[in-house]
């Protein structure tokens, strides 16, 4: 025989968990969107630096390459954070 009080408590706990997760999902989606928008801005800079590296030769391109690599690493880490959020 099912205890009505236990069952009602079970249902209420599930509802509470569901509501908490809904809020967290909404916040996670908003956070992921904000992170994406920031990364999109950095992507344009990265593409410009990557083009410079391709056009330059020798010592001068080492500095540009280092800057592009740092920016690319930052973008990759941001993508990883978004992936974990989703």
N, C-alpha and C. Protein backbone atom coordinates (compact mmCIF):
# COMPACT_ATOMS: atom_id res chain seq x y z
N UNK A 1 0.84 -1.18 0.00
CA UNK A 1 0.00 0.00 0.00
C UNK A 1 0.89 1.25 0.00
N UNK A 2 0.54 2.22 -0.81
CA UNK A 2 1.31 3.44 -0.95
C UNK A 2 0.86 4.44 0.10
N UNK A 3 1.84 5.00 0.80
CA UNK A 3 1.55 6.04 1.79
C UNK A 3 1.40 7.36 1.04
N UNK A 4 0.21 7.92 1.08
CA UNK A 4 -0.11 9.13 0.33
C UNK A 4 0.82 10.28 0.71
N UNK A 5 1.12 10.42 1.98
CA UNK A 5 1.98 11.50 2.44
C UNK A 5 3.40 11.35 1.89
N UNK A 6 3.93 10.13 1.88
CA UNK A 6 5.26 9.88 1.32
C UNK A 6 5.27 10.17 -0.18
N UNK A 7 4.22 9.75 -0.84
CA UNK A 7 4.16 9.98 -2.28
C UNK A 7 4.07 11.47 -2.59
N UNK A 8 3.24 12.20 -1.86
CA UNK A 8 3.11 13.65 -2.07
C UNK A 8 4.44 14.36 -1.82
N UNK A 9 5.16 13.93 -0.79
CA UNK A 9 6.47 14.51 -0.50
C UNK A 9 7.45 14.21 -1.64
N UNK A 10 7.39 13.00 -2.17
CA UNK A 10 8.23 12.61 -3.29
C UNK A 10 7.95 13.50 -4.50
N UNK A 11 6.68 13.70 -4.80
CA UNK A 11 6.28 14.54 -5.93
C UNK A 11 6.75 15.98 -5.72
N UNK A 12 6.58 16.52 -4.54
CA UNK A 12 7.00 17.89 -4.25
C UNK A 12 8.52 18.05 -4.37
N UNK A 13 9.27 17.05 -3.92
CA UNK A 13 10.72 17.10 -4.07
C UNK A 13 11.13 17.11 -5.54
N UNK A 14 10.46 16.30 -6.33
CA UNK A 14 10.75 16.28 -7.77
C UNK A 14 10.42 17.64 -8.40
N UNK A 15 9.31 18.23 -8.02
CA UNK A 15 8.94 19.54 -8.55
C UNK A 15 9.98 20.59 -8.19
N UNK A 16 10.45 20.55 -6.96
CA UNK A 16 11.46 21.50 -6.50
C UNK A 16 12.74 21.34 -7.30
N UNK A 17 13.19 20.11 -7.46
CA UNK A 17 14.40 19.85 -8.24
C UNK A 17 14.23 20.32 -9.68
N UNK A 18 13.08 20.05 -10.24
CA UNK A 18 12.81 20.46 -11.62
C UNK A 18 12.87 21.97 -11.76
N UNK A 19 12.25 22.68 -10.83
CA UNK A 19 12.26 24.14 -10.87
C UNK A 19 13.67 24.70 -10.73
N UNK A 20 14.45 24.12 -9.81
CA UNK A 20 15.83 24.57 -9.62
C UNK A 20 16.65 24.34 -10.89
N UNK A 21 16.49 23.19 -11.50
CA UNK A 21 17.23 22.88 -12.72
C UNK A 21 16.80 23.78 -13.87
N UNK A 22 15.52 24.09 -13.94
CA UNK A 22 15.03 24.98 -15.00
C UNK A 22 15.72 26.34 -14.90
N UNK A 23 15.82 26.87 -13.68
CA UNK A 23 16.48 28.15 -13.47
C UNK A 23 17.96 28.05 -13.84
N UNK A 24 18.63 26.98 -13.39
CA UNK A 24 20.05 26.79 -13.70
C UNK A 24 20.28 26.66 -15.20
N UNK A 25 19.40 25.94 -15.89
CA UNK A 25 19.53 25.78 -17.34
C UNK A 25 19.38 27.14 -18.04
N UNK A 26 18.44 27.92 -17.59
CA UNK A 26 18.23 29.24 -18.19
C UNK A 26 19.47 30.11 -17.97
N UNK A 27 19.99 30.10 -16.74
CA UNK A 27 21.18 30.90 -16.45
C UNK A 27 22.39 30.39 -17.22
N UNK A 28 22.52 29.08 -17.33
CA UNK A 28 23.64 28.50 -18.07
C UNK A 28 23.56 28.90 -19.54
N UNK A 29 22.37 28.86 -20.10
CA UNK A 29 22.20 29.24 -21.50
C UNK A 29 22.54 30.71 -21.69
N UNK A 30 22.11 31.55 -20.77
CA UNK A 30 22.42 32.98 -20.88
C UNK A 30 23.92 33.21 -20.73
N UNK A 31 24.55 32.50 -19.80
CA UNK A 31 25.99 32.63 -19.61
C UNK A 31 26.74 32.15 -20.84
N UNK A 32 26.32 31.03 -21.39
CA UNK A 32 26.97 30.50 -22.60
C UNK A 32 26.83 31.49 -23.76
N UNK A 33 25.67 32.11 -23.88
CA UNK A 33 25.46 33.09 -24.94
C UNK A 33 26.37 34.29 -24.76
N UNK A 34 26.50 34.78 -23.53
CA UNK A 34 27.39 35.91 -23.26
C UNK A 34 28.84 35.55 -23.60
N UNK A 35 29.25 34.36 -23.18
CA UNK A 35 30.61 33.92 -23.48
C UNK A 35 30.82 33.82 -24.98
N UNK A 36 29.83 33.29 -25.68
CA UNK A 36 29.93 33.15 -27.14
C UNK A 36 30.12 34.51 -27.80
N UNK A 37 29.33 35.48 -27.38
CA UNK A 37 29.42 36.81 -27.97
C UNK A 37 30.79 37.44 -27.73
N UNK A 38 31.36 37.23 -26.54
CA UNK A 38 32.70 37.74 -26.27
C UNK A 38 33.73 37.05 -27.17
N UNK A 39 33.58 35.75 -27.33
CA UNK A 39 34.52 35.00 -28.16
C UNK A 39 34.41 35.38 -29.63
N UNK A 40 33.21 35.69 -30.08
CA UNK A 40 33.03 36.10 -31.47
C UNK A 40 33.80 37.39 -31.74
N UNK A 41 33.81 38.30 -30.76
CA UNK A 41 34.59 39.53 -30.92
C UNK A 41 36.08 39.23 -31.02
N UNK A 42 36.54 38.30 -30.22
CA UNK A 42 37.95 37.92 -30.25
C UNK A 42 38.29 37.16 -31.53
N UNK A 43 37.33 36.47 -32.09
CA UNK A 43 37.57 35.69 -33.31
C UNK A 43 38.02 36.60 -34.46
N UNK A 44 37.39 37.76 -34.57
CA UNK A 44 37.78 38.70 -35.62
C UNK A 44 39.23 39.14 -35.48
N UNK A 45 39.65 39.40 -34.26
CA UNK A 45 41.05 39.76 -34.01
C UNK A 45 41.98 38.60 -34.35
N UNK A 46 41.54 37.40 -33.99
CA UNK A 46 42.34 36.21 -34.27
C UNK A 46 42.53 36.02 -35.77
N UNK A 47 41.45 36.16 -36.52
CA UNK A 47 41.56 36.00 -37.97
C UNK A 47 42.52 37.02 -38.58
N UNK A 48 42.47 38.25 -38.07
CA UNK A 48 43.37 39.29 -38.58
C UNK A 48 44.83 38.93 -38.28
N UNK A 49 45.09 38.45 -37.07
CA UNK A 49 46.45 38.06 -36.70
C UNK A 49 46.91 36.85 -37.52
N UNK A 50 46.01 35.91 -37.72
CA UNK A 50 46.35 34.72 -38.51
C UNK A 50 46.71 35.13 -39.93
N UNK A 51 46.00 36.10 -40.47
CA UNK A 51 46.30 36.59 -41.82
C UNK A 51 47.67 37.24 -41.84
N UNK A 52 47.99 38.02 -40.79
CA UNK A 52 49.30 38.66 -40.70
C UNK A 52 50.42 37.62 -40.68
N UNK A 53 50.23 36.57 -39.91
CA UNK A 53 51.25 35.52 -39.82
C UNK A 53 51.47 34.92 -41.20
N UNK A 54 50.38 34.69 -41.92
CA UNK A 54 50.49 34.11 -43.25
C UNK A 54 51.18 35.02 -44.24
N UNK A 55 51.03 36.32 -44.05
CA UNK A 55 51.61 37.29 -45.00
C UNK A 55 53.04 37.67 -44.67
N UNK A 56 53.42 37.57 -43.40
CA UNK A 56 54.76 37.99 -43.00
C UNK A 56 55.71 36.79 -42.97
N UNK A 57 56.97 37.09 -43.05
CA UNK A 57 57.97 36.03 -43.01
C UNK A 57 59.05 36.38 -42.01
N UNK A 58 59.75 35.36 -41.52
CA UNK A 58 60.92 35.58 -40.68
C UNK A 58 60.62 36.02 -39.27
N UNK A 59 61.54 36.79 -38.70
CA UNK A 59 61.49 37.19 -37.30
C UNK A 59 60.25 38.02 -36.96
N UNK A 60 59.87 38.90 -37.85
CA UNK A 60 58.74 39.78 -37.57
C UNK A 60 57.47 38.98 -37.30
N UNK A 61 57.30 37.86 -37.98
CA UNK A 61 56.08 37.09 -37.81
C UNK A 61 56.06 36.29 -36.52
N UNK A 62 57.22 36.10 -35.87
CA UNK A 62 57.25 35.35 -34.61
C UNK A 62 56.44 36.05 -33.53
N UNK A 63 56.56 37.37 -33.46
CA UNK A 63 55.79 38.12 -32.47
C UNK A 63 54.30 38.05 -32.77
N UNK A 64 53.97 38.21 -34.02
CA UNK A 64 52.56 38.13 -34.43
C UNK A 64 52.03 36.73 -34.19
N UNK A 65 52.84 35.71 -34.50
CA UNK A 65 52.46 34.32 -34.28
C UNK A 65 52.20 34.07 -32.80
N UNK A 66 53.07 34.57 -31.94
CA UNK A 66 52.92 34.38 -30.50
C UNK A 66 51.61 35.03 -30.02
N UNK A 67 51.32 36.23 -30.50
CA UNK A 67 50.09 36.92 -30.11
C UNK A 67 48.86 36.17 -30.62
N UNK A 68 48.95 35.69 -31.86
CA UNK A 68 47.83 34.94 -32.44
C UNK A 68 47.61 33.64 -31.68
N UNK A 69 48.71 32.98 -31.34
CA UNK A 69 48.60 31.72 -30.61
C UNK A 69 47.97 31.93 -29.24
N UNK A 70 48.38 32.99 -28.53
CA UNK A 70 47.80 33.29 -27.22
C UNK A 70 46.31 33.57 -27.34
N UNK A 71 45.94 34.36 -28.33
CA UNK A 71 44.53 34.67 -28.53
C UNK A 71 43.76 33.42 -28.92
N UNK A 72 44.34 32.59 -29.78
CA UNK A 72 43.69 31.34 -30.17
C UNK A 72 43.49 30.42 -28.98
N UNK A 73 44.47 30.36 -28.10
CA UNK A 73 44.35 29.53 -26.89
C UNK A 73 43.23 30.05 -26.00
N UNK A 74 43.14 31.37 -25.87
CA UNK A 74 42.08 31.97 -25.07
C UNK A 74 40.70 31.64 -25.66
N UNK A 75 40.58 31.71 -26.97
CA UNK A 75 39.32 31.37 -27.63
C UNK A 75 38.99 29.90 -27.43
N UNK A 76 39.98 29.01 -27.57
CA UNK A 76 39.76 27.58 -27.39
C UNK A 76 39.28 27.29 -25.98
N UNK A 77 39.89 27.92 -24.98
CA UNK A 77 39.47 27.72 -23.59
C UNK A 77 38.04 28.20 -23.38
N UNK A 78 37.68 29.30 -24.03
CA UNK A 78 36.31 29.79 -23.95
C UNK A 78 35.33 28.81 -24.57
N UNK A 79 35.69 28.24 -25.72
CA UNK A 79 34.84 27.23 -26.34
C UNK A 79 34.68 26.02 -25.43
N UNK A 80 35.75 25.63 -24.77
CA UNK A 80 35.68 24.49 -23.84
C UNK A 80 34.73 24.79 -22.68
N UNK A 81 34.79 26.03 -22.16
CA UNK A 81 33.88 26.41 -21.07
C UNK A 81 32.43 26.36 -21.53
N UNK A 82 32.17 26.87 -22.73
CA UNK A 82 30.82 26.83 -23.26
C UNK A 82 30.35 25.39 -23.43
N UNK A 83 31.22 24.56 -24.00
CA UNK A 83 30.88 23.16 -24.21
C UNK A 83 30.51 22.48 -22.89
N UNK A 84 31.25 22.77 -21.83
CA UNK A 84 30.96 22.19 -20.51
C UNK A 84 29.64 22.71 -19.96
N UNK A 85 29.36 23.97 -20.24
CA UNK A 85 28.11 24.57 -19.76
C UNK A 85 26.90 23.91 -20.43
N UNK A 86 27.05 23.61 -21.71
CA UNK A 86 25.94 23.01 -22.44
C UNK A 86 25.94 21.52 -22.21
